[in-house]
Amino acid sequence: MPQIPLSKRINELLVLAVLDHGPAHGYQIALSVEERTGGAFSFQHGTLYPILHRLEGDGRV
């Protein structure tokens, strides 16, 4: 299994934490993560959807 950097793992966990409360669109996920972390974490343009695709490909969403 390839090693995935810790920062990507944290982002995946943040996305999964939001989705644990129910379905959400990408924009809703980004807003929720920023809100829940008090702005400590936010997604840069173009980073959220690759995470969602990876999670979907792994069967986690």
PDB file of N, CA and C in Angstrom:
ATOM      1  N   MET A   1       0.847  -1.172   0.000  1.00  0.00           N
ATOM      2  CA  MET A   1       0.000   0.000   0.000  1.00  0.00           C
ATOM      3  C   MET A   1       0.898   1.243   0.000  1.00  0.00           C
ATOM      4  N   PRO A   2       0.658   2.179  -0.904  1.00  0.00           N
ATOM      5  CA  PRO A   2       1.502   3.375  -0.962  1.00  0.00           C
ATOM      6  C   PRO A   2       1.285   4.267   0.261  1.00  0.00           C
ATOM      7  N   GLN A   3       2.361   4.910   0.679  1.00  0.00           N
ATOM      8  CA  GLN A   3       2.283   5.837   1.806  1.00  0.00           C
ATOM      9  C   GLN A   3       1.625   7.143   1.359  1.00  0.00           C
ATOM     10  N   ILE A   4       0.689   7.618   2.134  1.00  0.00           N
ATOM     11  CA  ILE A   4       0.013   8.883   1.845  1.00  0.00           C
ATOM     12  C   ILE A   4       0.453   9.880   2.911  1.00  0.00           C
ATOM     13  N   PRO A   5       0.888  11.078   2.491  1.00  0.00           N
ATOM     14  CA  PRO A   5       1.341  12.079   3.469  1.00  0.00           C
ATOM     15  C   PRO A   5       0.284  12.379   4.528  1.00  0.00           C
ATOM     16  N   LEU A   6       0.768  12.715   5.711  1.00  0.00           N
ATOM     17  CA  LEU A   6      -0.119  12.993   6.840  1.00  0.00           C
ATOM     18  C   LEU A   6      -1.121  14.099   6.530  1.00  0.00           C
ATOM     19  N   SER A   7      -0.687  15.132   5.817  1.00  0.00           N
ATOM     20  CA  SER A   7      -1.605  16.237   5.510  1.00  0.00           C
ATOM     21  C   SER A   7      -2.803  15.762   4.690  1.00  0.00           C
ATOM     22  N   LYS A   8      -2.560  14.825   3.769  1.00  0.00           N
ATOM     23  CA  LYS A   8      -3.682  14.289   2.986  1.00  0.00           C
ATOM     24  C   LYS A   8      -4.596  13.449   3.862  1.00  0.00           C
ATOM     25  N   ARG A   9      -4.009  12.695   4.783  1.00  0.00           N
ATOM     26  CA  ARG A   9      -4.819  11.877   5.694  1.00  0.00           C
ATOM     27  C   ARG A   9      -5.702  12.764   6.579  1.00  0.00           C
ATOM     28  N   ILE A  10      -5.130  13.855   7.061  1.00  0.00           N
ATOM     29  CA  ILE A  10      -5.911  14.772   7.897  1.00  0.00           C
ATOM     30  C   ILE A  10      -7.072  15.341   7.096  1.00  0.00           C
ATOM     31  N   ASN A  11      -6.801  15.753   5.867  1.00  0.00           N
ATOM     32  CA  ASN A  11      -7.871  16.287   5.016  1.00  0.00           C
ATOM     33  C   ASN A  11      -8.956  15.252   4.782  1.00  0.00           C
ATOM     34  N   GLU A  12      -8.556  14.000   4.553  1.00  0.00           N
ATOM     35  CA  GLU A  12      -9.538  12.935   4.357  1.00  0.00           C
ATOM     36  C   GLU A  12     -10.396  12.768   5.606  1.00  0.00           C
ATOM     37  N   LEU A  13      -9.761  12.774   6.766  1.00  0.00           N
ATOM     38  CA  LEU A  13     -10.508  12.617   8.014  1.00  0.00           C
ATOM     39  C   LEU A  13     -11.475  13.772   8.246  1.00  0.00           C
ATOM     40  N   LEU A  14     -11.054  14.975   7.897  1.00  0.00           N
ATOM     41  CA  LEU A  14     -11.947  16.130   8.031  1.00  0.00           C
ATOM     42  C   LEU A  14     -13.169  15.979   7.133  1.00  0.00           C
ATOM     43  N   VAL A  15     -12.949  15.536   5.907  1.00  0.00           N
ATOM     44  CA  VAL A  15     -14.062  15.330   4.971  1.00  0.00           C
ATOM     45  C   VAL A  15     -14.983  14.235   5.495  1.00  0.00           C
ATOM     46  N   LEU A  16     -14.408  13.131   5.943  1.00  0.00           N
ATOM     47  CA  LEU A  16     -15.224  12.033   6.453  1.00  0.00           C
ATOM     48  C   LEU A  16     -16.010  12.450   7.699  1.00  0.00           C
ATOM     49  N   ALA A  17     -15.418  13.290   8.540  1.00  0.00           N
ATOM     50  CA  ALA A  17     -16.121  13.763   9.739  1.00  0.00           C
ATOM     51  C   ALA A  17     -17.354  14.571   9.361  1.00  0.00           C
ATOM     52  N   VAL A  18     -17.236  15.386   8.332  1.00  0.00           N
ATOM     53  CA  VAL A  18     -18.391  16.163   7.872  1.00  0.00           C
ATOM     54  C   VAL A  18     -19.445  15.227   7.292  1.00  0.00           C
ATOM     55  N   LEU A  19     -19.009  14.300   6.452  1.00  0.00           N
ATOM     56  CA  LEU A  19     -19.956  13.399   5.788  1.00  0.00           C
ATOM     57  C   LEU A  19     -20.590  12.405   6.749  1.00  0.00           C
ATOM     58  N   ASP A  20     -19.986  12.220   7.919  1.00  0.00           N
ATOM     59  CA  ASP A  20     -20.566  11.338   8.928  1.00  0.00           C
ATOM     60  C   ASP A  20     -21.915  11.873   9.412  1.00  0.00           C
ATOM     61  N   HIS A  21     -22.128  13.171   9.249  1.00  0.00           N
ATOM     62  CA  HIS A  21     -23.389  13.795   9.667  1.00  0.00           C
ATOM     63  C   HIS A  21     -24.433  13.798   8.558  1.00  0.00           C
ATOM     64  N   GLY A  22     -24.057  13.303   7.378  1.00  0.00           N
ATOM     65  CA  GLY A  22     -25.005  13.240   6.277  1.00  0.00           C
ATOM     66  C   GLY A  22     -24.385  13.711   4.980  1.00  0.00           C
ATOM     67  N   PRO A  23     -25.083  13.493   3.882  1.00  0.00           N
ATOM     68  CA  PRO A  23     -24.561  13.890   2.571  1.00  0.00           C
ATOM     69  C   PRO A  23     -24.349  15.400   2.495  1.00  0.00           C
ATOM     70  N   ALA A  24     -23.351  15.791   1.707  1.00  0.00           N
ATOM     71  CA  ALA A  24     -23.071  17.219   1.513  1.00  0.00           C
ATOM     72  C   ALA A  24     -22.348  17.406   0.190  1.00  0.00           C
ATOM     73  N   HIS A  25     -22.566  18.551  -0.412  1.00  0.00           N
ATOM     74  CA  HIS A  25     -21.844  18.918  -1.630  1.00  0.00           C
ATOM     75  C   HIS A  25     -20.472  19.446  -1.237  1.00  0.00           C
ATOM     76  N   GLY A  26     -19.567  19.494  -2.216  1.00  0.00           N
ATOM     77  CA  GLY A  26     -18.203  19.941  -1.966  1.00  0.00           C
ATOM     78  C   GLY A  26     -18.118  21.282  -1.263  1.00  0.00           C
ATOM     79  N   TYR A  27     -18.884  22.249  -1.742  1.00  0.00           N
ATOM     80  CA  TYR A  27     -18.853  23.583  -1.138  1.00  0.00           C
ATOM     81  C   TYR A  27     -19.311  23.533   0.317  1.00  0.00           C
ATOM     82  N   GLN A  28     -20.337  22.728   0.588  1.00  0.00           N
ATOM     83  CA  GLN A  28     -20.831  22.582   1.956  1.00  0.00           C
ATOM     84  C   GLN A  28     -19.770  21.945   2.846  1.00  0.00           C
ATOM     85  N   ILE A  29     -19.057  20.970   2.304  1.00  0.00           N
ATOM     86  CA  ILE A  29     -17.993  20.308   3.062  1.00  0.00           C
ATOM     87  C   ILE A  29     -16.907  21.314   3.414  1.00  0.00           C
ATOM     88  N   ALA A  30     -16.480  22.089   2.424  1.00  0.00           N
ATOM     89  CA  ALA A  30     -15.421  23.078   2.651  1.00  0.00           C
ATOM     90  C   ALA A  30     -15.833  24.088   3.723  1.00  0.00           C
ATOM     91  N   LEU A  31     -17.055  24.589   3.640  1.00  0.00           N
ATOM     92  CA  LEU A  31     -17.538  25.550   4.638  1.00  0.00           C
ATOM     93  C   LEU A  31     -17.600  24.931   6.026  1.00  0.00           C
ATOM     94  N   SER A  32     -18.082  23.708   6.094  1.00  0.00           N
ATOM     95  CA  SER A  32     -18.222  23.032   7.373  1.00  0.00           C
ATOM     96  C   SER A  32     -16.865  22.787   8.024  1.00  0.00           C
ATOM     97  N   VAL A  33     -15.883  22.356   7.242  1.00  0.00           N
ATOM     98  CA  VAL A  33     -14.542  22.114   7.782  1.00  0.00           C
ATOM     99  C   VAL A  33     -13.961  23.413   8.333  1.00  0.00           C
ATOM    100  N   GLU A  34     -14.071  24.469   7.567  1.00  0.00           N
ATOM    101  CA  GLU A  34     -13.527  25.751   8.015  1.00  0.00           C
ATOM    102  C   GLU A  34     -14.232  26.233   9.286  1.00  0.00           C
ATOM    103  N   GLU A  35     -15.546  26.056   9.321  1.00  0.00           N
ATOM    104  CA  GLU A  35     -16.339  26.474  10.475  1.00  0.00           C
ATOM    105  C   GLU A  35     -16.003  25.644  11.707  1.00  0.00           C
ATOM    106  N   ARG A  36     -15.949  24.329  11.546  1.00  0.00           N
ATOM    107  CA  ARG A  36     -15.703  23.430  12.679  1.00  0.00           C
ATOM    108  C   ARG A  36     -14.306  23.578  13.257  1.00  0.00           C
ATOM    109  N   THR A  37     -13.353  23.967  12.426  1.00  0.00           N
ATOM    110  CA  THR A  37     -11.970  24.092  12.895  1.00  0.00           C
ATOM    111  C   THR A  37     -11.612  25.535  13.243  1.00  0.00           C
ATOM    112  N   GLY A  38     -12.594  26.412  13.233  1.00  0.00           N
ATOM    113  CA  GLY A  38     -12.339  27.804  13.545  1.00  0.00           C
ATOM    114  C   GLY A  38     -11.374  28.460  12.575  1.00  0.00           C
ATOM    115  N   GLY A  39     -11.377  27.970  11.341  1.00  0.00           N
ATOM    116  CA  GLY A  39     -10.511  28.528  10.312  1.00  0.00           C
ATOM    117  C   GLY A  39      -9.107  27.943  10.290  1.00  0.00           C
ATOM    118  N   ALA A  40      -8.815  27.017  11.207  1.00  0.00           N
ATOM    119  CA  ALA A  40      -7.480  26.404  11.242  1.00  0.00           C
ATOM    120  C   ALA A  40      -7.226  25.552  10.004  1.00  0.00           C
ATOM    121  N   PHE A  41      -8.283  24.965   9.466  1.00  0.00           N
ATOM    122  CA  PHE A  41      -8.174  24.162   8.250  1.00  0.00           C
ATOM    123  C   PHE A  41      -9.137  24.714   7.214  1.00  0.00           C
ATOM    124  N   SER A  42      -8.669  24.817   5.997  1.00  0.00           N
ATOM    125  CA  SER A  42      -9.527  25.188   4.875  1.00  0.00           C
ATOM    126  C   SER A  42      -8.947  24.537   3.632  1.00  0.00           C
ATOM    127  N   PHE A  43      -9.782  24.339   2.649  1.00  0.00           N
ATOM    128  CA  PHE A  43      -9.338  23.690   1.424  1.00  0.00           C
ATOM    129  C   PHE A  43      -8.962  24.728   0.385  1.00  0.00           C
ATOM    130  N   GLN A  44      -7.784  24.572  -0.171  1.00  0.00           N
ATOM    131  CA  GLN A  44      -7.350  25.427  -1.271  1.00  0.00           C
ATOM    132  C   GLN A  44      -8.116  25.013  -2.524  1.00  0.00           C
ATOM    133  N   HIS A  45      -8.221  25.937  -3.454  1.00  0.00           N
ATOM    134  CA  HIS A  45      -8.912  25.654  -4.713  1.00  0.00           C
ATOM    135  C   HIS A  45      -8.316  24.402  -5.363  1.00  0.00           C
ATOM    136  N   GLY A  46      -9.164  23.470  -5.706  1.00  0.00           N
ATOM    137  CA  GLY A  46      -8.716  22.275  -6.418  1.00  0.00           C
ATOM    138  C   GLY A  46      -8.219  21.135  -5.555  1.00  0.00           C
ATOM    139  N   THR A  47      -8.341  21.233  -4.236  1.00  0.00           N
ATOM    140  CA  THR A  47      -7.875  20.127  -3.398  1.00  0.00           C
ATOM    141  C   THR A  47      -8.998  19.244  -2.873  1.00  0.00           C
ATOM    142  N   LEU A  48     -10.182  19.790  -2.717  1.00  0.00           N
ATOM    143  CA  LEU A  48     -11.274  19.018  -2.125  1.00  0.00           C
ATOM    144  C   LEU A  48     -11.776  17.912  -3.046  1.00  0.00           C
ATOM    145  N   TYR A  49     -11.991  18.223  -4.307  1.00  0.00           N
ATOM    146  CA  TYR A  49     -12.584  17.218  -5.198  1.00  0.00           C
ATOM    147  C   TYR A  49     -11.667  16.021  -5.448  1.00  0.00           C
ATOM    148  N   PRO A  50     -10.351  16.202  -5.562  1.00  0.00           N
ATOM    149  CA  PRO A  50      -9.496  15.010  -5.650  1.00  0.00           C
ATOM    150  C   PRO A  50      -9.604  14.125  -4.400  1.00  0.00           C
ATOM    151  N   ILE A  51      -9.767  14.749  -3.244  1.00  0.00           N
ATOM    152  CA  ILE A  51      -9.946  13.974  -2.012  1.00  0.00           C
ATOM    153  C   ILE A  51     -11.245  13.185  -2.082  1.00  0.00           C
ATOM    154  N   LEU A  52     -12.316  13.837  -2.514  1.00  0.00           N
ATOM    155  CA  LEU A  52     -13.602  13.146  -2.636  1.00  0.00           C
ATOM    156  C   LEU A  52     -13.529  12.001  -3.637  1.00  0.00           C
ATOM    157  N   HIS A  53     -12.845  12.219  -4.754  1.00  0.00           N
ATOM    158  CA  HIS A  53     -12.700  11.149  -5.755  1.00  0.00           C
ATOM    159  C   HIS A  53     -11.893   9.982  -5.195  1.00  0.00           C
ATOM    160  N   ARG A  54     -10.829  10.288  -4.444  1.00  0.00           N
ATOM    161  CA  ARG A  54     -10.012   9.227  -3.853  1.00  0.00           C
ATOM    162  C   ARG A  54     -10.832   8.428  -2.841  1.00  0.00           C
ATOM    163  N   LEU A  55     -11.578   9.128  -1.989  1.00  0.00           N
ATOM    164  CA  LEU A  55     -12.416   8.444  -1.003  1.00  0.00           C
ATOM    165  C   LEU A  55     -13.486   7.596  -1.677  1.00  0.00           C
ATOM    166  N   GLU A  56     -14.045   8.113  -2.750  1.00  0.00           N
ATOM    167  CA  GLU A  56     -15.053   7.357  -3.500  1.00  0.00           C
ATOM    168  C   GLU A  56     -14.426   6.118  -4.137  1.00  0.00           C
ATOM    169  N   GLY A  57     -13.247   6.286  -4.724  1.00  0.00           N
ATOM    170  CA  GLY A  57     -12.553   5.158  -5.350  1.00  0.00           C
ATOM    171  C   GLY A  57     -12.188   4.071  -4.354  1.00  0.00           C
ATOM    172  N   ASP A  58     -11.912   4.491  -3.113  1.00  0.00           N
ATOM    173  CA  ASP A  58     -11.584   3.537  -2.052  1.00  0.00           C
ATOM    174  C   ASP A  58     -12.836   2.926  -1.425  1.00  0.00           C
ATOM    175  N   GLY A  59     -14.017   3.381  -1.865  1.00  0.00           N
ATOM    176  CA  GLY A  59     -15.270   2.863  -1.331  1.00  0.00           C
ATOM    177  C   GLY A  59     -15.633   3.420   0.036  1.00  0.00           C
ATOM    178  N   ARG A  60     -15.045   4.549   0.417  1.00  0.00           N
ATOM    179  CA  ARG A  60     -15.323   5.122   1.739  1.00  0.00           C
ATOM    180  C   ARG A  60     -16.435   6.158   1.712  1.00  0.00           C
ATOM    181  N   VAL A  61     -16.821   6.628   0.519  1.00  0.00           N
ATOM    182  CA  VAL A  61     -17.972   7.531   0.405  1.00  0.00           C
ATOM    183  C   VAL A  61     -18.804   7.100  -0.776  1.00  0.00           C
TER     184      VAL A  61
END
